């Protein structure tokens, strides 16, 4: 009795056993054998129309669920189209498995159709190696199941990230005897008790302690322990861009972001802190004022305690007093337990919470005040004000880059039940539209808003038909200033004019597609905003309809306030490190 199945069928059964429910991607002649097997399974294939959109959607799905996303690609131009999306997930520590069909194994070196082959033969994995955690080339169909297990394990273990599995197309069709490769739950290292005690002592002895929170502590007992720790010792908290929303924006110890977009008070406290507990953060350049100790972080004299699951991040940008490779959630629990054992009674720093609360209230109130402006086109903060007023408290904001990322991170008061998802490491224009579709598929009952610029919407138009085909009621809010506005402002401020950044028609006048009409052409609802009050009216209608919708909001080009420092401005002025 023949017990063999095709390797594609065996792989799909393996995906089902790993709990995979959605695969995002596009078809090609190298992967349709796997698609055929998916079509006879419980796994749903989400057609993305473009590979970058597929990767961003899988990324958004992974961020929303906490599970590994899966993207299916074709050889050559298919997998090169996806590079930006897979890299975005990789740099933001999002678990993602990219499966790419490859040329037939027996045509190696003959330069078959769509092979990447000018300087090496059949080595498309080399394109991905600089940013994925691991890239596998499958040489025998019998190895596919083992490599698939390794791919899912590697993507989710340690510091999560993206991996590539490159499969010659003939291997999908070859017969194999199914072999079970159960997927173990990754275990991350604990923080040793003596190290937790040492860190607790440093925090207890500090006069001006500070917690710097990165994006690796989203939910669960570790987050509860963090709140207990900072509230017990009255320690102020700053967060990276990726960590916005980890603690509620109205928490009395939360200072917000440091660095380029940080308030003067925030950057002063980071400079003057004598002990900083940094949790799952890489000290990104903008959050660290280009690592210039005059502006944000000052080590020494400050003492840095850095905890990260990735040993490569410990001490990368600043010298550490204590560096520990550990699961950040369990590490914070261990530190909190040690602190409570050493000092059972809460400690209060006179006036600290009141000072922070007053500064944050001023920040948000000033933003709302600017957002009350009835001028048209709208000021960016008017758009944020109307969003705050009308969105459900648990809405998910998926942003792109520019005002919709930086302005929201700085001055949008995110409700405790809300979520903010943004491309951090790569700061990818075009992330928002497709990632929002992935988030909506993962969270069908929640309101998901893609808050994007006209540049970002133009970069990922395939997200619109994808949302319609999936019945995903994403609301695409296009903050339309007919420009790559952030870069236009940067160029004008440093070179006296903007050139090559603003969209103009053949008559030299500002130009923009009619995004609302484009939405309707794709089968979504489309709302052109034509007055200051029109955006709120359109948003109400879109929330009520629960259909994919595009709201095209004319907006003035206005820079995000940047109280901090970023070295790029020095470079423009001829000042070099």
Protein backbone atom coordinates (compact mmCIF):
# COMPACT_ATOMS: atom_id res chain seq x y z
CA UNK A 1 0.00 0.00 0.00
CA UNK A 2 1.40 3.37 -1.06
CA UNK A 3 1.67 5.68 1.95
CA UNK A 4 3.40 8.52 0.15
CA UNK A 5 1.94 11.95 -0.53
CA UNK A 6 3.36 14.92 -2.38
CA UNK A 7 5.79 17.04 -0.38
CA UNK A 8 3.36 19.94 -0.83
CA UNK A 9 0.55 17.95 0.80
CA UNK A 10 2.84 16.90 3.64
CA UNK A 11 3.92 20.51 4.16
CA UNK A 12 0.33 21.77 4.33
CA UNK A 13 -0.52 19.10 6.90
CA UNK A 14 2.49 20.26 8.88
CA UNK A 15 1.32 23.88 8.70
CA UNK A 16 -2.10 22.80 9.97
CA UNK A 17 -0.49 20.95 12.87
CA UNK A 18 1.38 24.16 13.78
CA UNK A 19 -1.89 26.08 14.00
CA UNK A 20 -1.38 28.12 10.83
CA UNK A 21 -4.75 29.55 9.77
CA UNK A 22 -3.77 32.07 7.08
CA UNK A 23 -1.04 32.20 4.46
CA UNK A 24 -0.57 35.48 2.59
CA UNK A 25 0.98 35.63 -0.84
CA UNK A 26 0.82 35.53 -4.61
CA UNK A 27 0.83 32.66 -7.07
CA UNK A 28 3.53 31.67 -9.54
CA UNK A 29 4.46 28.62 -11.51
CA UNK A 30 6.92 27.56 -8.78
CA UNK A 31 4.41 27.48 -5.91
CA UNK A 32 1.05 26.40 -7.38
CA UNK A 33 1.58 22.79 -6.26
CA UNK A 34 1.62 24.10 -2.69
CA UNK A 35 -1.36 26.34 -3.44
CA UNK A 36 -3.30 23.33 -4.73
CA UNK A 37 -2.64 21.52 -1.46
CA UNK A 38 -3.62 24.62 0.55
CA UNK A 39 -6.91 24.72 -1.36
CA UNK A 40 -7.81 21.30 0.06
CA UNK A 41 -6.92 22.24 3.64
CA UNK A 42 -8.21 24.33 6.52
CA UNK A 43 -5.57 26.99 5.86
CA UNK A 44 -6.92 30.08 4.10
CA UNK A 45 -4.82 31.65 1.36
CA UNK A 46 -5.01 35.44 1.19
CA UNK A 47 -4.25 36.77 -2.30
CA UNK A 48 -2.31 39.99 -1.99
CA UNK A 49 -1.76 41.00 -5.68
CA UNK A 50 1.77 42.15 -4.84
CA UNK A 51 4.43 40.41 -2.80
CA UNK A 52 5.36 43.42 -0.68
CA UNK A 53 1.69 43.76 0.27
CA UNK A 54 1.61 40.06 1.11
CA UNK A 55 4.63 40.35 3.42
CA UNK A 56 3.25 43.45 5.17
CA UNK A 57 -0.14 41.78 5.64
CA UNK A 58 1.49 38.66 7.12
CA UNK A 59 3.56 40.96 9.35
CA UNK A 60 0.47 42.82 10.57
CA UNK A 61 -1.29 39.52 11.22
CA UNK A 62 1.69 38.30 13.29
CA UNK A 63 1.85 41.51 15.33
CA UNK A 64 -1.86 41.34 16.09
CA UNK A 65 -1.96 37.66 17.04
CA UNK A 66 1.50 37.14 18.53
CA UNK A 67 1.82 34.07 16.28
CA UNK A 68 4.18 33.46 13.37
CA UNK A 69 3.04 34.94 10.07
CA UNK A 70 3.47 33.04 6.81
CA UNK A 71 4.00 34.51 3.35
CA UNK A 72 4.15 32.46 0.13
CA UNK A 73 6.27 33.76 -2.76
CA UNK A 74 7.31 32.89 -6.29
CA UNK A 75 10.86 32.60 -7.62
CA UNK A 76 12.96 35.59 -8.73
CA UNK A 77 10.86 38.77 -9.06
CA UNK A 78 8.25 37.35 -6.71
CA UNK A 79 10.59 36.98 -3.78
CA UNK A 80 12.55 40.15 -4.63
CA UNK A 81 9.28 42.12 -4.61
CA UNK A 82 8.80 40.92 -1.03
CA UNK A 83 12.24 41.96 0.23
CA UNK A 84 11.05 45.23 1.76
CA UNK A 85 8.15 43.60 3.58
CA UNK A 86 10.18 40.71 4.95
CA UNK A 87 12.97 43.08 5.99
CA UNK A 88 10.45 45.29 7.81
CA UNK A 89 9.28 42.31 9.87
CA UNK A 90 12.86 41.19 10.49
CA UNK A 91 14.02 44.57 11.81
CA UNK A 92 10.99 44.84 14.11
CA UNK A 93 11.52 41.34 15.57
CA UNK A 94 8.29 39.96 14.11
CA UNK A 95 8.18 36.16 13.58
CA UNK A 96 7.62 35.52 9.87
CA UNK A 97 8.22 32.48 7.67
CA UNK A 98 8.70 33.28 3.98
CA UNK A 99 8.24 30.27 1.71
CA UNK A 100 9.55 30.85 -1.80
CA UNK A 101 9.30 28.55 -4.77
CA UNK A 102 12.59 28.15 -6.61
CA UNK A 103 13.78 26.89 -10.00
CA UNK A 104 13.63 23.14 -10.66
CA UNK A 105 16.48 21.44 -8.83
CA UNK A 106 17.79 19.74 -11.97
CA UNK A 107 18.12 23.02 -13.91
CA UNK A 108 20.68 24.45 -11.51
CA UNK A 109 23.23 26.55 -13.40
CA UNK A 110 21.34 26.53 -16.71
CA UNK A 111 19.66 29.88 -16.01
CA UNK A 112 16.03 28.80 -16.30
CA UNK A 113 13.09 31.17 -16.41
CA UNK A 114 13.15 33.89 -13.68
CA UNK A 115 16.20 32.55 -11.89
CA UNK A 116 18.40 35.19 -10.21
CA UNK A 117 21.56 34.23 -12.00
CA UNK A 118 23.95 36.93 -13.21
CA UNK A 119 26.73 36.38 -10.66
CA UNK A 120 25.76 33.09 -9.04
CA UNK A 121 23.46 30.23 -9.93
CA UNK A 122 20.21 29.40 -8.16
CA UNK A 123 21.08 31.34 -5.02
CA UNK A 124 18.02 33.48 -4.41
CA UNK A 125 18.48 32.95 -0.68
CA UNK A 126 21.52 35.26 -0.83
CA UNK A 127 19.16 38.19 -1.39
CA UNK A 128 17.59 37.61 2.04
CA UNK A 129 20.58 36.56 4.09
CA UNK A 130 21.57 40.05 5.33
CA UNK A 131 18.36 40.43 7.35
CA UNK A 132 16.67 37.06 7.96
CA UNK A 133 17.63 34.94 10.95
CA UNK A 134 18.27 31.96 8.67
CA UNK A 135 17.74 31.06 5.01
CA UNK A 136 17.32 27.43 3.98
CA UNK A 137 17.75 25.98 0.50
CA UNK A 138 15.98 22.65 0.24
CA UNK A 139 18.05 20.16 -1.74
CA UNK A 140 15.96 17.01 -1.13
CA UNK A 141 12.19 16.74 -0.72
CA UNK A 142 12.79 14.47 2.29
CA UNK A 143 14.33 17.46 4.08
CA UNK A 144 11.36 19.79 3.62
CA UNK A 145 9.51 18.74 6.78
CA UNK A 146 12.61 19.06 8.96
CA UNK A 147 13.49 22.44 7.49
CA UNK A 148 9.91 23.65 7.92
CA UNK A 149 10.04 22.76 11.61
CA UNK A 150 13.40 24.54 11.90
CA UNK A 151 11.99 27.61 10.12
CA UNK A 152 9.04 27.98 12.51
CA UNK A 153 11.24 27.30 15.53
CA UNK A 154 13.85 29.83 14.48
CA UNK A 155 11.32 32.54 13.61
CA UNK A 156 9.73 32.38 17.08
CA UNK A 157 12.64 31.50 19.35
CA UNK A 158 15.11 33.89 20.97
CA UNK A 159 14.70 37.29 19.40
CA UNK A 160 11.84 36.67 16.95
CA UNK A 161 12.37 37.49 13.32
CA UNK A 162 11.95 36.49 9.69
CA UNK A 163 13.30 33.37 8.00
CA UNK A 164 13.32 32.13 4.41
CA UNK A 165 12.58 28.64 3.13
CA UNK A 166 13.52 28.33 -0.56
CA UNK A 167 12.02 25.22 -2.21
CA UNK A 168 12.76 24.05 -5.77
CA UNK A 169 9.40 23.71 -7.46
CA UNK A 170 9.85 20.04 -8.35
CA UNK A 171 10.31 19.15 -4.69
CA UNK A 172 6.74 20.26 -3.94
CA UNK A 173 5.49 17.63 -6.42
CA UNK A 174 7.78 14.75 -5.48
CA UNK A 175 6.42 11.94 -3.29
CA UNK A 176 7.49 11.69 0.35
CA UNK A 177 6.53 9.53 3.29
CA UNK A 178 5.01 11.89 5.87
CA UNK A 179 7.13 12.27 8.99
CA UNK A 180 5.88 14.18 12.03
CA UNK A 181 8.04 17.05 13.24
CA UNK A 182 6.16 18.47 16.25
CA UNK A 183 6.87 22.11 16.96
CA UNK A 184 8.18 22.66 20.47
CA UNK A 185 7.36 25.82 22.38
CA UNK A 186 10.48 28.02 22.46
CA UNK A 187 11.89 28.56 25.94
CA UNK A 188 13.88 31.70 26.66
CA UNK A 189 16.46 32.05 29.44
CA UNK A 190 15.45 33.17 32.91
CA UNK A 191 17.19 35.96 34.78
CA UNK A 192 19.30 34.34 37.52
CA UNK A 193 18.10 35.18 41.04
CA UNK A 194 21.41 36.73 42.06
CA UNK A 195 21.36 39.04 39.02
CA UNK A 196 17.75 40.01 39.77
CA UNK A 197 18.84 40.84 43.30
CA UNK A 198 21.77 42.93 42.06
CA UNK A 199 19.47 44.90 39.75
CA UNK A 200 16.95 45.35 42.57
CA UNK A 201 19.71 46.78 44.77
CA UNK A 202 20.75 49.24 42.04
CA UNK A 203 17.16 50.45 41.65
CA UNK A 204 16.65 50.75 45.40
CA UNK A 205 19.87 52.72 45.85
CA UNK A 206 19.28 55.04 42.90
CA UNK A 207 18.21 58.63 43.45
CA UNK A 208 16.99 59.16 39.89
CA UNK A 209 16.12 55.72 38.45
CA UNK A 210 14.42 55.38 35.09
CA UNK A 211 12.92 52.53 33.07
CA UNK A 212 13.36 52.55 29.29
CA UNK A 213 10.83 50.23 27.74
CA UNK A 214 11.19 48.65 24.30
CA UNK A 215 8.70 46.77 22.17
CA UNK A 216 9.27 43.29 23.58
CA UNK A 217 6.93 43.46 26.58
CA UNK A 218 3.42 43.65 25.16
CA UNK A 219 1.18 41.63 27.40
CA UNK A 220 0.86 39.12 30.21
CA UNK A 221 2.43 38.73 33.65
CA UNK A 222 5.63 40.54 32.67
CA UNK A 223 3.68 43.71 31.93
CA UNK A 224 1.79 43.35 35.21
CA UNK A 225 5.12 42.98 37.03
CA UNK A 226 6.50 46.08 35.31
CA UNK A 227 3.58 48.17 36.52
CA UNK A 228 3.97 46.78 40.02
CA UNK A 229 7.70 47.55 39.98
CA UNK A 230 7.55 51.15 38.76
CA UNK A 231 4.55 52.00 40.92
CA UNK A 232 6.15 50.47 44.00
CA UNK A 233 9.38 52.45 43.59
CA UNK A 234 7.89 55.50 41.83
CA UNK A 235 10.16 55.10 38.79
CA UNK A 236 9.37 57.17 35.69
CA UNK A 237 9.14 55.31 32.38
CA UNK A 238 10.11 56.30 28.86
CA UNK A 239 9.30 54.11 25.89
CA UNK A 240 10.61 53.52 22.40
CA UNK A 241 8.48 54.13 19.34
CA UNK A 242 7.60 50.42 19.19
CA UNK A 243 6.48 50.34 22.83
CA UNK A 244 3.81 53.03 22.65
CA UNK A 245 0.66 51.69 24.32
CA UNK A 246 2.47 49.13 26.48
CA UNK A 247 1.62 51.33 29.45
CA UNK A 248 -1.46 53.54 29.04
CA UNK A 249 -0.72 57.07 27.87
CA UNK A 250 -2.42 58.44 30.98
CA UNK A 251 -0.22 56.50 33.42
CA UNK A 252 1.15 58.99 35.96
CA UNK A 253 4.73 57.69 35.64
CA UNK A 254 4.86 57.59 31.83
CA UNK A 255 7.02 60.29 30.24
CA UNK A 256 6.59 59.18 26.62
CA UNK A 257 9.28 58.91 23.96
CA UNK A 258 12.82 60.22 24.42
CA UNK A 259 15.14 61.45 21.71
CA UNK A 260 14.23 63.38 18.59
CA UNK A 261 10.49 63.49 19.32
CA UNK A 262 10.85 63.60 23.09
CA UNK A 263 9.80 66.50 25.27
CA UNK A 264 12.51 68.65 26.86
CA UNK A 265 11.50 67.30 30.27
CA UNK A 266 11.77 63.72 29.01
CA UNK A 267 15.25 64.19 27.57
CA UNK A 268 16.39 65.98 30.70
CA UNK A 269 15.32 63.04 32.86
CA UNK A 270 17.04 60.52 30.58
CA UNK A 271 20.27 62.55 30.76
CA UNK A 272 20.13 62.93 34.53
CA UNK A 273 19.09 59.37 35.44
CA UNK A 274 21.66 57.65 37.62
CA UNK A 275 20.33 54.11 36.94
CA UNK A 276 18.47 53.14 33.76
CA UNK A 277 16.76 49.77 33.44
CA UNK A 278 16.48 49.17 29.67
CA UNK A 279 14.10 46.39 28.70
CA UNK A 280 14.10 44.78 25.22
CA UNK A 281 15.28 47.84 23.36
CA UNK A 282 18.16 48.44 20.97
CA UNK A 283 18.49 52.19 21.66
CA UNK A 284 17.45 53.20 18.15
CA UNK A 285 19.12 56.30 16.73
CA UNK A 286 16.12 58.63 16.84
CA UNK A 287 15.21 57.55 20.39
CA UNK A 288 18.81 58.16 21.45
CA UNK A 289 19.48 61.53 19.73
CA UNK A 290 22.03 59.84 17.47
CA UNK A 291 23.71 58.48 20.63
CA UNK A 292 24.98 61.97 21.47
CA UNK A 293 25.19 62.06 25.27
CA UNK A 294 24.57 65.81 25.32
CA UNK A 295 20.93 65.32 24.44
CA UNK A 296 19.35 62.11 25.74
CA UNK A 297 21.36 59.25 27.29
CA UNK A 298 24.51 59.83 29.32
CA UNK A 299 26.42 56.64 30.19
CA UNK A 300 28.54 57.20 32.23
CA UNK A 301 27.96 58.76 34.73
CA UNK A 302 24.58 57.06 34.49
CA UNK A 303 24.64 53.30 35.02
CA UNK A 304 22.90 51.15 32.42
CA UNK A 305 21.18 47.86 33.22
CA UNK A 306 20.23 46.27 29.90
CA UNK A 307 18.08 43.14 29.54
CA UNK A 308 17.46 41.62 26.13
CA UNK A 309 16.95 38.15 24.75
CA UNK A 310 19.43 38.96 21.96
CA UNK A 311 23.02 39.00 23.26
CA UNK A 312 24.11 41.14 20.30
CA UNK A 313 22.12 44.08 21.67
CA UNK A 314 23.76 44.12 25.10
CA UNK A 315 26.15 47.04 25.14
CA UNK A 316 25.89 47.63 21.39
CA UNK A 317 25.43 51.39 21.71
CA UNK A 318 26.20 52.19 25.36
CA UNK A 319 28.42 50.58 28.03
CA UNK A 320 26.50 48.51 30.56
CA UNK A 321 26.89 48.13 34.30
CA UNK A 322 24.76 44.99 34.23
CA UNK A 323 23.93 43.21 30.98
CA UNK A 324 21.67 40.17 31.03
CA UNK A 325 20.44 37.89 28.25
CA UNK A 326 17.00 36.81 29.41
CA UNK A 327 13.32 36.65 28.59
CA UNK A 328 12.23 40.17 29.44
CA UNK A 329 8.84 39.16 30.83
CA UNK A 330 10.24 36.69 33.35
CA UNK A 331 13.17 39.00 34.10
CA UNK A 332 10.88 41.85 35.13
CA UNK A 333 8.90 39.46 37.32
CA UNK A 334 12.12 38.34 39.04
CA UNK A 335 13.29 41.93 39.58
CA UNK A 336 9.90 43.00 40.94
CA UNK A 337 9.87 40.06 43.35
CA UNK A 338 13.38 40.92 44.56
CA UNK A 339 12.48 44.59 45.03
CA UNK A 340 9.37 43.76 47.04
CA UNK A 341 11.38 41.36 49.20
CA UNK A 342 14.00 44.03 49.93
CA UNK A 343 11.52 46.86 50.40
CA UNK A 344 7.95 45.74 51.11
CA UNK A 345 6.59 49.26 51.54
CA UNK A 346 6.05 51.48 48.49
CA UNK A 347 8.38 54.41 47.97
CA UNK A 348 7.14 57.79 46.79
CA UNK A 349 9.18 60.57 45.18
CA UNK A 350 7.66 63.87 46.15
CA UNK A 351 5.93 65.66 43.30
CA UNK A 352 7.14 63.22 40.60
CA UNK A 353 3.76 61.93 39.45
CA UNK A 354 2.22 65.38 39.57
CA UNK A 355 5.05 66.86 37.46
CA UNK A 356 4.79 64.11 34.85
CA UNK A 357 1.00 64.26 34.73
CA UNK A 358 1.04 68.04 34.30
CA UNK A 359 3.58 67.85 31.45
CA UNK A 360 1.67 65.10 29.67
CA UNK A 361 -1.64 66.89 30.10
CA UNK A 362 -0.09 69.99 28.60
CA UNK A 363 1.26 67.97 25.66
CA UNK A 364 -2.10 66.37 24.90
CA UNK A 365 -4.11 69.52 25.63
CA UNK A 366 -1.89 71.59 23.33
CA UNK A 367 -2.32 69.00 20.60
CA UNK A 368 -6.10 68.99 21.05
CA UNK A 369 -6.05 72.78 21.02
CA UNK A 370 -4.26 72.83 17.67
CA UNK A 371 -6.68 70.11 16.59
CA UNK A 372 -9.67 72.39 17.20
CA UNK A 373 -8.63 74.48 14.19
CA UNK A 374 -11.39 74.69 11.56
CA UNK A 375 -9.13 75.69 8.69
CA UNK A 376 -9.30 73.57 5.56
CA UNK A 377 -7.25 71.67 4.40
CA UNK A 378 -6.98 70.25 7.88
CA UNK A 379 -4.06 70.52 10.22
CA UNK A 380 -2.68 67.05 11.08
CA UNK A 381 -3.72 67.39 14.70
CA UNK A 382 -7.31 68.10 13.69
CA UNK A 383 -7.34 64.67 12.08
CA UNK A 384 -5.94 63.10 15.26
CA UNK A 385 -8.46 64.99 17.42
CA UNK A 386 -11.41 63.69 15.42
CA UNK A 387 -10.01 60.16 15.47
CA UNK A 388 -9.65 60.30 19.26
CA UNK A 389 -13.21 61.52 19.65
CA UNK A 390 -14.88 58.96 17.40
CA UNK A 391 -12.90 55.70 17.39
CA UNK A 392 -13.84 52.89 19.79
CA UNK A 393 -11.50 52.61 22.76
CA UNK A 394 -10.09 49.29 21.48
CA UNK A 395 -9.42 50.49 17.94
CA UNK A 396 -6.11 49.55 16.31
CA UNK A 397 -4.15 52.30 14.57
CA UNK A 398 -1.80 50.95 11.92
CA UNK A 399 0.41 53.74 10.67
CA UNK A 400 2.85 54.33 7.90
CA UNK A 401 5.65 56.91 8.13
CA UNK A 402 5.54 60.66 8.57
CA UNK A 403 2.95 62.55 10.62
CA UNK A 404 0.82 59.44 10.97
CA UNK A 405 3.68 57.63 12.74
CA UNK A 406 5.66 60.31 14.53
CA UNK A 407 2.77 62.59 15.42
CA UNK A 408 0.64 59.75 16.73
CA UNK A 409 3.53 58.34 18.77
CA UNK A 410 4.23 61.75 20.26
CA UNK A 411 0.86 63.35 20.94
CA UNK A 412 -2.01 60.90 20.32
CA UNK A 413 -3.43 59.84 23.67
CA UNK A 414 -3.95 56.14 23.03
CA UNK A 415 -6.72 54.53 25.10
CA UNK A 416 -5.63 51.69 27.36
CA UNK A 417 -7.50 49.14 25.24
CA UNK A 418 -6.18 50.54 21.95
CA UNK A 419 -3.21 49.38 19.91
CA UNK A 420 -0.59 51.24 17.89
CA UNK A 421 1.25 49.29 15.17
CA UNK A 422 3.97 50.97 13.13
CA UNK A 423 7.11 50.10 11.16
CA UNK A 424 10.00 50.96 13.45
CA UNK A 425 13.36 49.58 12.36
CA UNK A 426 12.95 50.10 8.61
CA UNK A 427 10.40 52.94 8.84
CA UNK A 428 8.83 51.56 5.69
CA UNK A 429 6.59 53.76 3.57
CA UNK A 430 3.77 51.52 2.33
CA UNK A 431 3.64 49.32 5.45
CA UNK A 432 0.37 50.73 6.79
CA UNK A 433 -2.23 49.86 4.12
CA UNK A 434 -1.39 46.16 3.74
CA UNK A 435 -0.41 45.56 7.37
CA UNK A 436 -3.81 46.92 8.42
CA UNK A 437 -5.52 44.27 6.29
CA UNK A 438 -3.49 41.58 8.06
CA UNK A 439 -4.42 43.05 11.44
CA UNK A 440 -8.10 43.14 10.48
CA UNK A 441 -8.04 39.49 9.38
CA UNK A 442 -6.48 38.64 12.74
CA UNK A 443 -8.94 40.86 14.69
CA UNK A 444 -12.21 40.73 12.71
CA UNK A 445 -14.29 42.21 15.51
CA UNK A 446 -12.14 45.30 16.12
CA UNK A 447 -12.02 48.60 14.33
CA UNK A 448 -8.78 48.84 12.36
CA UNK A 449 -7.66 52.15 10.90
CA UNK A 450 -4.80 52.47 8.43
CA UNK A 451 -3.57 55.99 9.15
CA UNK A 452 -1.34 56.78 6.19
CA UNK A 453 -0.03 59.56 4.00
CA UNK A 454 -0.79 59.91 0.31
CA UNK A 455 2.75 58.70 -0.40
CA UNK A 456 2.22 55.56 1.67
CA UNK A 457 -1.19 54.87 0.12
CA UNK A 458 0.29 55.30 -3.36
CA UNK A 459 3.07 52.85 -2.47
CA UNK A 460 0.67 50.02 -1.60
CA UNK A 461 -2.49 50.37 -3.67
CA UNK A 462 -2.86 46.53 -3.83
CA UNK A 463 -4.06 46.70 -0.20
CA UNK A 464 -7.40 48.11 -1.37
CA UNK A 465 -8.57 45.16 -3.50
CA UNK A 466 -7.09 42.79 -0.91
CA UNK A 467 -9.30 44.35 1.78
CA UNK A 468 -12.36 44.16 -0.47
CA UNK A 469 -11.72 40.54 -1.46
CA UNK A 470 -11.28 39.56 2.18
CA UNK A 471 -14.31 41.52 3.41
CA UNK A 472 -11.91 43.27 5.83
CA UNK A 473 -13.54 46.53 6.97
CA UNK A 474 -10.31 48.50 7.25
CA UNK A 475 -10.76 52.26 7.24
CA UNK A 476 -7.95 53.78 5.16
CA UNK A 477 -7.51 57.38 6.35
CA UNK A 478 -5.30 59.12 3.79
CA UNK A 479 -3.66 62.23 5.29
CA UNK A 480 -3.22 63.87 1.92
CA UNK A 481 -0.77 66.76 1.67
CA UNK A 482 0.18 65.96 -1.94
CA UNK A 483 3.73 65.42 -0.84
CA UNK A 484 6.25 63.23 0.90
CA UNK A 485 5.64 65.80 3.58
CA UNK A 486 8.16 64.91 6.27
CA UNK A 487 11.05 64.84 3.81
CA UNK A 488 9.78 67.94 2.04
CA UNK A 489 9.81 69.83 5.34
CA UNK A 490 13.27 68.50 6.16
CA UNK A 491 14.65 69.58 2.81
CA UNK A 492 13.02 73.01 2.91
CA UNK A 493 14.24 73.63 6.45
CA UNK A 494 17.84 72.77 5.63
CA UNK A 495 18.26 73.70 1.97
CA UNK A 496 15.76 76.55 1.61
CA UNK A 497 13.40 74.82 -0.78
CA UNK A 498 11.78 71.49 -1.50
CA UNK A 499 12.55 69.72 -4.76
CA UNK A 500 11.62 66.18 -5.78
CA UNK A 501 9.42 65.65 -2.73
CA UNK A 502 6.10 67.28 -3.69
CA UNK A 503 3.60 65.87 -6.18
CA UNK A 504 2.70 68.21 -9.04
CA UNK A 505 0.76 67.83 -12.25
CA UNK A 506 1.90 68.84 -15.77
CA UNK A 507 0.69 72.39 -15.05
CA UNK A 508 2.97 72.64 -12.03
CA UNK A 509 0.05 72.69 -9.59
CA UNK A 510 -0.17 70.30 -6.60
CA UNK A 511 -1.47 66.93 -7.72
CA UNK A 512 -3.08 63.97 -6.02
CA UNK A 513 -5.08 60.97 -7.19
CA UNK A 514 -8.67 60.89 -6.01
CA UNK A 515 -8.16 58.20 -3.41
CA UNK A 516 -11.86 58.11 -2.48
CA UNK A 517 -12.77 57.41 -6.10
CA UNK A 518 -10.02 54.81 -6.27
CA UNK A 519 -11.52 53.11 -3.23
CA UNK A 520 -14.93 53.03 -4.89
CA UNK A 521 -13.38 51.66 -8.09
CA UNK A 522 -11.98 48.78 -6.03
CA UNK A 523 -15.36 48.05 -4.43
CA UNK A 524 -14.76 49.86 -1.14
CA UNK A 525 -16.61 52.90 0.12
CA UNK A 526 -14.96 56.21 -0.73
CA UNK A 527 -15.34 59.48 1.14
CA UNK A 528 -13.83 62.70 -0.22
CA UNK A 529 -13.47 65.24 2.59
CA UNK A 530 -14.34 68.76 1.43
CA UNK A 531 -14.66 70.73 4.68
CA UNK A 532 -13.25 70.82 8.20
CA UNK A 533 -16.30 69.00 9.55
CA UNK A 534 -16.32 66.55 6.68
CA UNK A 535 -13.73 64.19 8.09
CA UNK A 536 -15.70 63.47 11.27
CA UNK A 537 -18.85 62.93 9.18
CA UNK A 538 -17.03 60.50 6.88
CA UNK A 539 -15.47 58.65 9.80
CA UNK A 540 -18.84 58.20 11.48
CA UNK A 541 -20.31 56.81 8.27
CA UNK A 542 -17.40 54.41 7.77
CA UNK A 543 -17.59 53.17 11.37
CA UNK A 544 -21.29 52.55 10.97
CA UNK A 545 -21.01 50.74 7.64
CA UNK A 546 -18.29 48.25 8.70
CA UNK A 547 -17.02 47.98 5.13
CA UNK A 548 -13.62 48.66 3.59
CA UNK A 549 -13.48 52.42 3.21
CA UNK A 550 -11.11 55.12 1.98
CA UNK A 551 -11.33 58.60 3.50
CA UNK A 552 -9.31 61.12 1.49
CA UNK A 553 -8.47 64.00 3.85
CA UNK A 554 -6.76 67.09 2.41
CA UNK A 555 -4.10 68.16 4.92
CA UNK A 556 -1.60 70.99 5.21
CA UNK A 557 2.06 70.11 5.23
CA UNK A 558 3.09 70.81 8.80
CA UNK A 559 6.17 69.35 10.52
CA UNK A 560 5.90 67.20 13.61
CA UNK A 561 7.40 69.05 16.60
CA UNK A 562 10.91 67.72 17.22
CA UNK A 563 12.20 69.01 20.57
CA UNK A 564 15.13 66.60 20.54
CA UNK A 565 18.16 66.06 18.34
CA UNK A 566 18.96 63.96 15.26
CA UNK A 567 22.41 64.10 13.68
CA UNK A 568 21.09 64.22 10.10
CA UNK A 569 20.43 67.94 10.57
CA UNK A 570 24.06 68.46 11.56
CA UNK A 571 25.15 66.65 8.41
CA UNK A 572 23.03 68.91 6.22
CA UNK A 573 24.76 71.90 7.82
CA UNK A 574 28.22 70.45 7.22
CA UNK A 575 28.84 69.33 10.82
CA UNK A 576 30.20 65.77 10.89
CA UNK A 577 31.08 63.36 13.67
